[in-house]
Amino acid sequence: MLAVLTNRTYRHLFLAQVIALIGTGLATVALGLLAFDLAGADAGVVLGTAFAIKMIAYVGVAPVAAAFAERLPRRTLLVSLDLVRAAVALLLPFVSEIWQVYMLIFVLQSASAGFTPTFQATIPDVLPDERDYTRALSLSRLAYDLESLVSPMLAAALLTLISFHSLFAGTVVGFLASAALVVSVALPSPQAGEKRGIYDRTTRGMRIYLATPRLRGLLALNLAGGHAHRHAFVIDSHHPEWPRT
């Protein structure tokens, strides 16, 4: 799987993805501490709303970004999204109101939601061989999964040395490094394909998903699992032995 890293262009893109993921993870930890600093006992409500905004941004922006990824210069788009995320992370330590947190989180997560499909759409042009493409996707998925483990541990280690506000500085550095790595390579132009409108490209994945019986069943299972987890969280938070503030 690591053989695809011998390709310089993909290696730089993959490193950009990993660094940006770690930066996002640090920002998530710092955001939790910022919410507690601003809202105190209501920090859970603030965090819950922030994560809901994150999901809305991903669901609403990612399909549109994927549709535009084939129409815009990808390197310019990736660098622009990194710079937007760096600017938001730079502003977060200076917020003083909860609504400002919500607004900046929406911008940050919208940029992240646009970065991921653009990055994934670039891979087949960089690695046209199907086996290399499959390995690259697997490596990318592994990076996403490992980030959820590595970022909290890294943040915990850093918090023994610095304040949580400084974690946002680490996030800024991460996004700027990601942008620099993308700038350092020349990305190939998208392969010519069938011309489709933005609406068609935005909704095509969902239409295919809903038209496939096995995928509809998988969607139903995921909804059922999410529903069960939701009840577990609600019951747990109202447990009589749960400490109250």
C-alpha atoms as a PDB file:
ATOM      1  CA  MET A   1       0.000   0.000   0.000  1.00  0.00           C
ATOM      2  CA  LEU A   2       2.884   2.363   0.777  1.00  0.00           C
ATOM      3  CA  ALA A   3       4.320   1.852  -2.707  1.00  0.00           C
ATOM      4  CA  VAL A   4       2.125   4.680  -4.036  1.00  0.00           C
ATOM      5  CA  LEU A   5       4.137   7.124  -1.917  1.00  0.00           C
ATOM      6  CA  THR A   6       7.002   6.776  -4.389  1.00  0.00           C
ATOM      7  CA  ASN A   7       4.949   9.039  -6.643  1.00  0.00           C
ATOM      8  CA  ARG A   8       6.143  12.526  -5.663  1.00  0.00           C
ATOM      9  CA  THR A   9       2.891  14.288  -6.519  1.00  0.00           C
ATOM     10  CA  TYR A  10       0.731  11.889  -4.543  1.00  0.00           C
ATOM     11  CA  ARG A  11       3.235  11.861  -1.670  1.00  0.00           C
ATOM     12  CA  HIS A  12       2.989  15.628  -1.305  1.00  0.00           C
ATOM     13  CA  LEU A  13      -0.801  15.545  -1.568  1.00  0.00           C
ATOM     14  CA  PHE A  14      -1.025  12.760   1.004  1.00  0.00           C
ATOM     15  CA  LEU A  15       1.252  14.619   3.419  1.00  0.00           C
ATOM     16  CA  ALA A  16      -0.877  17.733   2.903  1.00  0.00           C
ATOM     17  CA  GLN A  17      -3.963  15.707   3.783  1.00  0.00           C
ATOM     18  CA  VAL A  18      -2.368  14.185   6.901  1.00  0.00           C
ATOM     19  CA  ILE A  19      -1.076  17.526   8.195  1.00  0.00           C
ATOM     20  CA  ALA A  20      -4.441  19.195   7.588  1.00  0.00           C
ATOM     21  CA  LEU A  21      -6.232  16.336   9.373  1.00  0.00           C
ATOM     22  CA  ILE A  22      -3.984  16.695  12.420  1.00  0.00           C
ATOM     23  CA  GLY A  23      -4.562  20.442  12.377  1.00  0.00           C
ATOM     24  CA  THR A  24      -8.314  19.881  12.292  1.00  0.00           C
ATOM     25  CA  GLY A  25      -8.040  17.404  15.164  1.00  0.00           C
ATOM     26  CA  LEU A  26      -6.123  19.894  17.295  1.00  0.00           C
ATOM     27  CA  ALA A  27      -8.742  22.534  16.500  1.00  0.00           C
ATOM     28  CA  THR A  28     -11.513  20.162  17.610  1.00  0.00           C
ATOM     29  CA  VAL A  29      -9.886  19.646  21.017  1.00  0.00           C
ATOM     30  CA  ALA A  30      -9.192  23.360  21.394  1.00  0.00           C
ATOM     31  CA  LEU A  31     -12.784  24.122  20.405  1.00  0.00           C
ATOM     32  CA  GLY A  32     -14.072  21.988  23.266  1.00  0.00           C
ATOM     33  CA  LEU A  33     -11.946  23.911  25.745  1.00  0.00           C
ATOM     34  CA  LEU A  34     -12.944  27.224  24.175  1.00  0.00           C
ATOM     35  CA  ALA A  35     -16.621  26.288  24.486  1.00  0.00           C
ATOM     36  CA  PHE A  36     -16.139  25.561  28.192  1.00  0.00           C
ATOM     37  CA  ASP A  37     -14.289  28.857  28.598  1.00  0.00           C
ATOM     38  CA  LEU A  38     -17.124  30.817  26.959  1.00  0.00           C
ATOM     39  CA  ALA A  39     -20.201  28.895  28.083  1.00  0.00           C
ATOM     40  CA  GLY A  40     -19.196  27.147  31.301  1.00  0.00           C
ATOM     41  CA  ALA A  41     -21.912  24.677  32.280  1.00  0.00           C
ATOM     42  CA  ASP A  42     -23.575  25.103  28.876  1.00  0.00           C
ATOM     43  CA  ALA A  43     -20.439  24.018  27.025  1.00  0.00           C
ATOM     44  CA  GLY A  44     -22.085  20.711  26.088  1.00  0.00           C
ATOM     45  CA  VAL A  45     -24.882  22.541  24.295  1.00  0.00           C
ATOM     46  CA  VAL A  46     -22.385  24.729  22.452  1.00  0.00           C
ATOM     47  CA  LEU A  47     -20.287  21.744  21.403  1.00  0.00           C
ATOM     48  CA  GLY A  48     -23.341  19.768  20.332  1.00  0.00           C
ATOM     49  CA  THR A  49     -24.517  22.661  18.181  1.00  0.00           C
ATOM     50  CA  ALA A  50     -21.024  23.100  16.726  1.00  0.00           C
ATOM     51  CA  PHE A  51     -20.837  19.430  15.743  1.00  0.00           C
ATOM     52  CA  ALA A  52     -24.335  19.618  14.257  1.00  0.00           C
ATOM     53  CA  ILE A  53     -23.161  22.583  12.176  1.00  0.00           C
ATOM     54  CA  LYS A  54     -20.158  20.487  11.119  1.00  0.00           C
ATOM     55  CA  MET A  55     -22.416  17.680   9.866  1.00  0.00           C
ATOM     56  CA  ILE A  56     -24.703  20.113   8.048  1.00  0.00           C
ATOM     57  CA  ALA A  57     -21.688  21.667   6.340  1.00  0.00           C
ATOM     58  CA  TYR A  58     -20.356  18.281   5.240  1.00  0.00           C
ATOM     59  CA  VAL A  59     -23.702  17.023   3.969  1.00  0.00           C
ATOM     60  CA  GLY A  60     -24.549  20.262   2.188  1.00  0.00           C
ATOM     61  CA  VAL A  61     -21.163  21.387   0.856  1.00  0.00           C
ATOM     62  CA  ALA A  62     -19.306  18.167  -0.044  1.00  0.00           C
ATOM     63  CA  PRO A  63     -21.554  17.138  -2.977  1.00  0.00           C
ATOM     64  CA  VAL A  64     -21.473  20.655  -4.424  1.00  0.00           C
ATOM     65  CA  ALA A  65     -17.696  20.851  -4.023  1.00  0.00           C
ATOM     66  CA  ALA A  66     -17.314  17.511  -5.791  1.00  0.00           C
ATOM     67  CA  ALA A  67     -19.359  18.857  -8.685  1.00  0.00           C
ATOM     68  CA  PHE A  68     -17.213  21.982  -8.993  1.00  0.00           C
ATOM     69  CA  ALA A  69     -13.938  20.063  -8.567  1.00  0.00           C
ATOM     70  CA  GLU A  70     -13.984  19.066 -12.233  1.00  0.00           C
ATOM     71  CA  ARG A  71     -14.599  22.617 -13.424  1.00  0.00           C
ATOM     72  CA  LEU A  72     -12.047  24.593 -11.391  1.00  0.00           C
ATOM     73  CA  PRO A  73      -8.222  24.384 -11.221  1.00  0.00           C
ATOM     74  CA  ARG A  74      -7.733  21.841  -8.462  1.00  0.00           C
ATOM     75  CA  ARG A  75      -4.451  23.096  -7.088  1.00  0.00           C
ATOM     76  CA  THR A  76      -5.846  26.618  -6.779  1.00  0.00           C
ATOM     77  CA  LEU A  77      -8.992  25.266  -5.140  1.00  0.00           C
ATOM     78  CA  LEU A  78      -7.093  23.090  -2.638  1.00  0.00           C
ATOM     79  CA  VAL A  79      -4.722  25.911  -1.675  1.00  0.00           C
ATOM     80  CA  SER A  80      -7.604  28.387  -1.331  1.00  0.00           C
ATOM     81  CA  LEU A  81      -9.492  26.023   0.975  1.00  0.00           C
ATOM     82  CA  ASP A  82      -6.384  25.536   3.127  1.00  0.00           C
ATOM     83  CA  LEU A  83      -5.902  29.300   3.399  1.00  0.00           C
ATOM     84  CA  VAL A  84      -9.554  29.782   4.374  1.00  0.00           C
ATOM     85  CA  ARG A  85      -9.179  27.166   7.108  1.00  0.00           C
ATOM     86  CA  ALA A  86      -5.965  28.779   8.340  1.00  0.00           C
ATOM     87  CA  ALA A  87      -7.682  32.180   8.522  1.00  0.00           C
ATOM     88  CA  VAL A  88     -10.604  30.751  10.508  1.00  0.00           C
ATOM     89  CA  ALA A  89      -8.289  28.935  12.937  1.00  0.00           C
ATOM     90  CA  LEU A  90      -6.386  32.195  13.399  1.00  0.00           C
ATOM     91  CA  LEU A  91      -9.601  34.009  14.348  1.00  0.00           C
ATOM     92  CA  LEU A  92     -11.057  31.394  16.716  1.00  0.00           C
ATOM     93  CA  PRO A  93      -8.940  32.295  19.793  1.00  0.00           C
ATOM     94  CA  PHE A  94     -10.231  35.876  19.617  1.00  0.00           C
ATOM     95  CA  VAL A  95     -13.975  35.165  19.606  1.00  0.00           C
ATOM     96  CA  SER A  96     -15.992  36.441  22.533  1.00  0.00           C
ATOM     97  CA  GLU A  97     -19.516  35.353  21.626  1.00  0.00           C
ATOM     98  CA  ILE A  98     -21.040  31.925  21.018  1.00  0.00           C
ATOM     99  CA  TRP A  99     -22.569  32.935  17.684  1.00  0.00           C
ATOM    100  CA  GLN A 100     -19.099  33.835  16.431  1.00  0.00           C
ATOM    101  CA  VAL A 101     -17.956  30.297  17.207  1.00  0.00           C
ATOM    102  CA  TYR A 102     -20.884  28.877  15.230  1.00  0.00           C
ATOM    103  CA  MET A 103     -20.200  31.108  12.236  1.00  0.00           C
ATOM    104  CA  LEU A 104     -16.481  30.323  12.104  1.00  0.00           C
ATOM    105  CA  ILE A 105     -17.091  26.600  12.578  1.00  0.00           C
ATOM    106  CA  PHE A 106     -19.456  26.595   9.611  1.00  0.00           C
ATOM    107  CA  VAL A 107     -16.853  28.309   7.424  1.00  0.00           C
ATOM    108  CA  LEU A 108     -14.078  25.998   8.659  1.00  0.00           C
ATOM    109  CA  GLN A 109     -16.059  22.807   8.137  1.00  0.00           C
ATOM    110  CA  SER A 110     -17.404  23.964   4.779  1.00  0.00           C
ATOM    111  CA  ALA A 111     -13.819  24.441   3.612  1.00  0.00           C
ATOM    112  CA  SER A 112     -12.900  21.001   4.966  1.00  0.00           C
ATOM    113  CA  ALA A 113     -15.933  19.489   3.261  1.00  0.00           C
ATOM    114  CA  GLY A 114     -14.776  21.029  -0.005  1.00  0.00           C
ATOM    115  CA  PHE A 115     -11.161  19.884   0.427  1.00  0.00           C
ATOM    116  CA  THR A 116     -11.918  16.169   0.800  1.00  0.00           C
ATOM    117  CA  PRO A 117     -13.825  15.517  -2.465  1.00  0.00           C
ATOM    118  CA  THR A 118     -11.430  17.739  -4.400  1.00  0.00           C
ATOM    119  CA  PHE A 119      -8.480  15.768  -3.034  1.00  0.00           C
ATOM    120  CA  GLN A 120     -10.169  12.466  -3.861  1.00  0.00           C
ATOM    121  CA  ALA A 121     -11.081  13.629  -7.362  1.00  0.00           C
ATOM    122  CA  THR A 122      -7.417  14.450  -7.982  1.00  0.00           C
ATOM    123  CA  ILE A 123      -6.102  10.977  -7.098  1.00  0.00           C
ATOM    124  CA  PRO A 124      -7.166   9.132 -10.303  1.00  0.00           C
ATOM    125  CA  ASP A 125      -5.481  11.804 -12.429  1.00  0.00           C
ATOM    126  CA  VAL A 126      -2.264  11.498 -10.411  1.00  0.00           C
ATOM    127  CA  LEU A 127      -2.405   7.680 -10.219  1.00  0.00           C
ATOM    128  CA  PRO A 128      -4.196   6.412 -13.346  1.00  0.00           C
ATOM    129  CA  ASP A 129      -3.370   2.752 -12.634  1.00  0.00           C
ATOM    130  CA  GLU A 130      -6.375   1.126 -10.951  1.00  0.00           C
ATOM    131  CA  ARG A 131      -4.307  -0.776  -8.384  1.00  0.00           C
ATOM    132  CA  ASP A 132      -2.387   2.340  -7.394  1.00  0.00           C
ATOM    133  CA  TYR A 133      -5.646   4.278  -7.186  1.00  0.00           C
ATOM    134  CA  THR A 134      -7.142   1.643  -4.868  1.00  0.00           C
ATOM    135  CA  ARG A 135      -4.058   1.694  -2.640  1.00  0.00           C
ATOM    136  CA  ALA A 136      -4.121   5.481  -2.502  1.00  0.00           C
ATOM    137  CA  LEU A 137      -7.775   5.499  -1.438  1.00  0.00           C
ATOM    138  CA  SER A 138      -7.029   2.893   1.236  1.00  0.00           C
ATOM    139  CA  LEU A 139      -4.120   4.960   2.522  1.00  0.00           C
ATOM    140  CA  SER A 140      -6.297   8.062   2.577  1.00  0.00           C
ATOM    141  CA  ARG A 141      -9.000   6.208   4.528  1.00  0.00           C
ATOM    142  CA  LEU A 142      -6.379   4.943   6.980  1.00  0.00           C
ATOM    143  CA  ALA A 143      -5.194   8.509   7.542  1.00  0.00           C
ATOM    144  CA  TYR A 144      -8.748   9.614   8.367  1.00  0.00           C
ATOM    145  CA  ASP A 145      -9.202   6.766  10.844  1.00  0.00           C
ATOM    146  CA  LEU A 146      -5.831   7.218  12.557  1.00  0.00           C
ATOM    147  CA  GLU A 147      -6.376  10.965  12.940  1.00  0.00           C
ATOM    148  CA  SER A 148      -9.185  10.346  15.435  1.00  0.00           C
ATOM    149  CA  LEU A 149      -6.672   8.461  17.610  1.00  0.00           C
ATOM    150  CA  VAL A 150      -3.520  10.513  17.100  1.00  0.00           C
ATOM    151  CA  SER A 151      -4.913  14.060  17.357  1.00  0.00           C
ATOM    152  CA  PRO A 152      -6.379  13.760  20.892  1.00  0.00           C
ATOM    153  CA  MET A 153      -3.156  12.169  22.186  1.00  0.00           C
ATOM    154  CA  LEU A 154      -1.050  14.850  20.530  1.00  0.00           C
ATOM    155  CA  ALA A 155      -3.329  17.575  21.882  1.00  0.00           C
ATOM    156  CA  ALA A 156      -3.127  16.105  25.401  1.00  0.00           C
ATOM    157  CA  ALA A 157       0.666  16.066  25.211  1.00  0.00           C
ATOM    158  CA  LEU A 158       0.798  19.643  23.940  1.00  0.00           C
ATOM    159  CA  LEU A 159      -1.608  20.876  26.628  1.00  0.00           C
ATOM    160  CA  THR A 160       0.931  19.889  29.278  1.00  0.00           C
ATOM    161  CA  LEU A 161       3.247  22.508  27.772  1.00  0.00           C
ATOM    162  CA  ILE A 162       1.017  25.209  26.266  1.00  0.00           C
ATOM    163  CA  SER A 163      -2.448  26.734  26.683  1.00  0.00           C
ATOM    164  CA  PHE A 164      -5.352  25.561  24.569  1.00  0.00           C
ATOM    165  CA  HIS A 165      -5.299  28.864  22.673  1.00  0.00           C
ATOM    166  CA  SER A 166      -1.903  27.857  21.320  1.00  0.00           C
ATOM    167  CA  LEU A 167      -3.453  24.729  19.803  1.00  0.00           C
ATOM    168  CA  PHE A 168      -5.178  27.004  17.313  1.00  0.00           C
ATOM    169  CA  ALA A 169      -1.739  28.291  16.320  1.00  0.00           C
ATOM    170  CA  GLY A 170      -0.723  24.699  15.623  1.00  0.00           C
ATOM    171  CA  THR A 171      -3.804  24.352  13.459  1.00  0.00           C
ATOM    172  CA  VAL A 172      -2.872  27.462  11.472  1.00  0.00           C
ATOM    173  CA  VAL A 173       0.639  26.121  10.907  1.00  0.00           C
ATOM    174  CA  GLY A 174      -0.809  22.800   9.785  1.00  0.00           C
ATOM    175  CA  PHE A 175      -3.086  24.345   7.179  1.00  0.00           C
ATOM    176  CA  LEU A 176      -0.324  26.612   5.871  1.00  0.00           C
ATOM    177  CA  ALA A 177       2.017  23.618   5.585  1.00  0.00           C
ATOM    178  CA  SER A 178      -0.703  21.723   3.736  1.00  0.00           C
ATOM    179  CA  ALA A 179      -1.115  24.616   1.295  1.00  0.00           C
ATOM    180  CA  ALA A 180       2.658  24.776   0.750  1.00  0.00           C
ATOM    181  CA  LEU A 181       2.794  21.058  -0.060  1.00  0.00           C
ATOM    182  CA  VAL A 182       0.002  21.409  -2.610  1.00  0.00           C
ATOM    183  CA  VAL A 183       1.747  24.397  -4.210  1.00  0.00           C
ATOM    184  CA  SER A 184       4.970  22.377  -4.478  1.00  0.00           C
ATOM    185  CA  VAL A 185       3.525  19.983  -7.077  1.00  0.00           C
ATOM    186  CA  ALA A 186       1.966  20.379 -10.509  1.00  0.00           C
ATOM    187  CA  LEU A 187      -1.401  18.658 -10.688  1.00  0.00           C
ATOM    188  CA  PRO A 188      -2.532  17.159 -14.003  1.00  0.00           C
ATOM    189  CA  SER A 189      -5.607  18.561 -15.695  1.00  0.00           C
ATOM    190  CA  PRO A 190      -8.804  16.554 -15.123  1.00  0.00           C
ATOM    191  CA  GLN A 191      -9.437  13.887 -17.721  1.00  0.00           C
ATOM    192  CA  ALA A 192     -12.016  14.876 -20.290  1.00  0.00           C
ATOM    193  CA  GLY A 193     -15.327  13.195 -19.626  1.00  0.00           C
ATOM    194  CA  GLU A 194     -19.015  13.525 -20.201  1.00  0.00           C
ATOM    195  CA  LYS A 195     -20.221  17.085 -19.691  1.00  0.00           C
ATOM    196  CA  ARG A 196     -22.885  17.209 -17.007  1.00  0.00           C
ATOM    197  CA  GLY A 197     -24.525  20.081 -15.207  1.00  0.00           C
ATOM    198  CA  ILE A 198     -23.796  21.048 -11.618  1.00  0.00           C
ATOM    199  CA  TYR A 199     -27.178  19.750 -10.423  1.00  0.00           C
ATOM    200  CA  ASP A 200     -26.647  16.399 -12.116  1.00  0.00           C
ATOM    201  CA  ARG A 201     -23.159  16.027 -10.631  1.00  0.00           C
ATOM    202  CA  THR A 202     -24.340  17.101  -7.187  1.00  0.00           C
ATOM    203  CA  THR A 203     -27.244  14.651  -6.971  1.00  0.00           C
ATOM    204  CA  ARG A 204     -25.927  11.751  -9.057  1.00  0.00           C
ATOM    205  CA  GLY A 205     -24.311   9.895  -6.160  1.00  0.00           C
ATOM    206  CA  MET A 206     -27.463  10.052  -4.038  1.00  0.00           C
ATOM    207  CA  ARG A 207     -29.637   8.959  -6.957  1.00  0.00           C
ATOM    208  CA  ILE A 208     -27.421   5.945  -7.627  1.00  0.00           C
ATOM    209  CA  TYR A 209     -27.362   5.131  -3.914  1.00  0.00           C
ATOM    210  CA  LEU A 210     -31.139   5.221  -3.567  1.00  0.00           C
ATOM    211  CA  ALA A 211     -31.656   3.265  -6.795  1.00  0.00           C
ATOM    212  CA  THR A 212     -29.547   0.324  -5.539  1.00  0.00           C
ATOM    213  CA  PRO A 213     -31.537  -2.011  -3.229  1.00  0.00           C
ATOM    214  CA  ARG A 214     -28.491  -3.246  -1.279  1.00  0.00           C
ATOM    215  CA  LEU A 215     -27.328   0.302  -0.631  1.00  0.00           C
ATOM    216  CA  ARG A 216     -30.811   1.303   0.501  1.00  0.00           C
ATOM    217  CA  GLY A 217     -30.658  -1.544   3.004  1.00  0.00           C
ATOM    218  CA  LEU A 218     -27.270  -0.329   4.216  1.00  0.00           C
ATOM    219  CA  LEU A 219     -28.691   3.171   4.635  1.00  0.00           C
ATOM    220  CA  ALA A 220     -31.552   1.765   6.716  1.00  0.00           C
ATOM    221  CA  LEU A 221     -29.086  -0.123   8.936  1.00  0.00           C
ATOM    222  CA  ASN A 222     -27.003   3.013   9.458  1.00  0.00           C
ATOM    223  CA  LEU A 223     -30.095   5.024  10.357  1.00  0.00           C
ATOM    224  CA  ALA A 224     -31.183   2.337  12.827  1.00  0.00           C
ATOM    225  CA  GLY A 225     -27.711   2.268  14.394  1.00  0.00           C
ATOM    226  CA  GLY A 226     -27.599   6.044  14.657  1.00  0.00           C
ATOM    227  CA  HIS A 227     -31.060   6.064  16.244  1.00  0.00           C
ATOM    228  CA  ALA A 228     -29.932   3.530  18.871  1.00  0.00           C
ATOM    229  CA  HIS A 229     -26.784   5.518  19.657  1.00  0.00           C
ATOM    230  CA  ARG A 230     -28.825   8.686  20.019  1.00  0.00           C
ATOM    231  CA  HIS A 231     -31.016   7.026  22.656  1.00  0.00           C
ATOM    232  CA  ALA A 232     -27.935   5.659  24.434  1.00  0.00           C
ATOM    233  CA  PHE A 233     -26.449   9.139  24.738  1.00  0.00           C
ATOM    234  CA  VAL A 234     -29.722  10.627  25.994  1.00  0.00           C
ATOM    235  CA  ILE A 235     -30.246   7.869  28.568  1.00  0.00           C
ATOM    236  CA  ASP A 236     -26.620   8.088  29.732  1.00  0.00           C
ATOM    237  CA  SER A 237     -26.759  11.852  30.194  1.00  0.00           C
ATOM    238  CA  HIS A 238     -29.884  11.496  32.371  1.00  0.00           C
ATOM    239  CA  HIS A 239     -28.560   8.634  34.496  1.00  0.00           C
ATOM    240  CA  PRO A 240     -29.338   9.320  38.190  1.00  0.00           C
ATOM    241  CA  GLU A 241     -25.725   8.669  39.196  1.00  0.00           C
ATOM    242  CA  TRP A 242     -24.310  11.004  36.527  1.00  0.00           C
ATOM    243  CA  PRO A 243     -22.584  13.971  38.233  1.00  0.00           C
ATOM    244  CA  ARG A 244     -24.393  17.275  37.962  1.00  0.00           C
ATOM    245  CA  THR A 245     -22.686  20.682  37.738  1.00  0.00           C
END
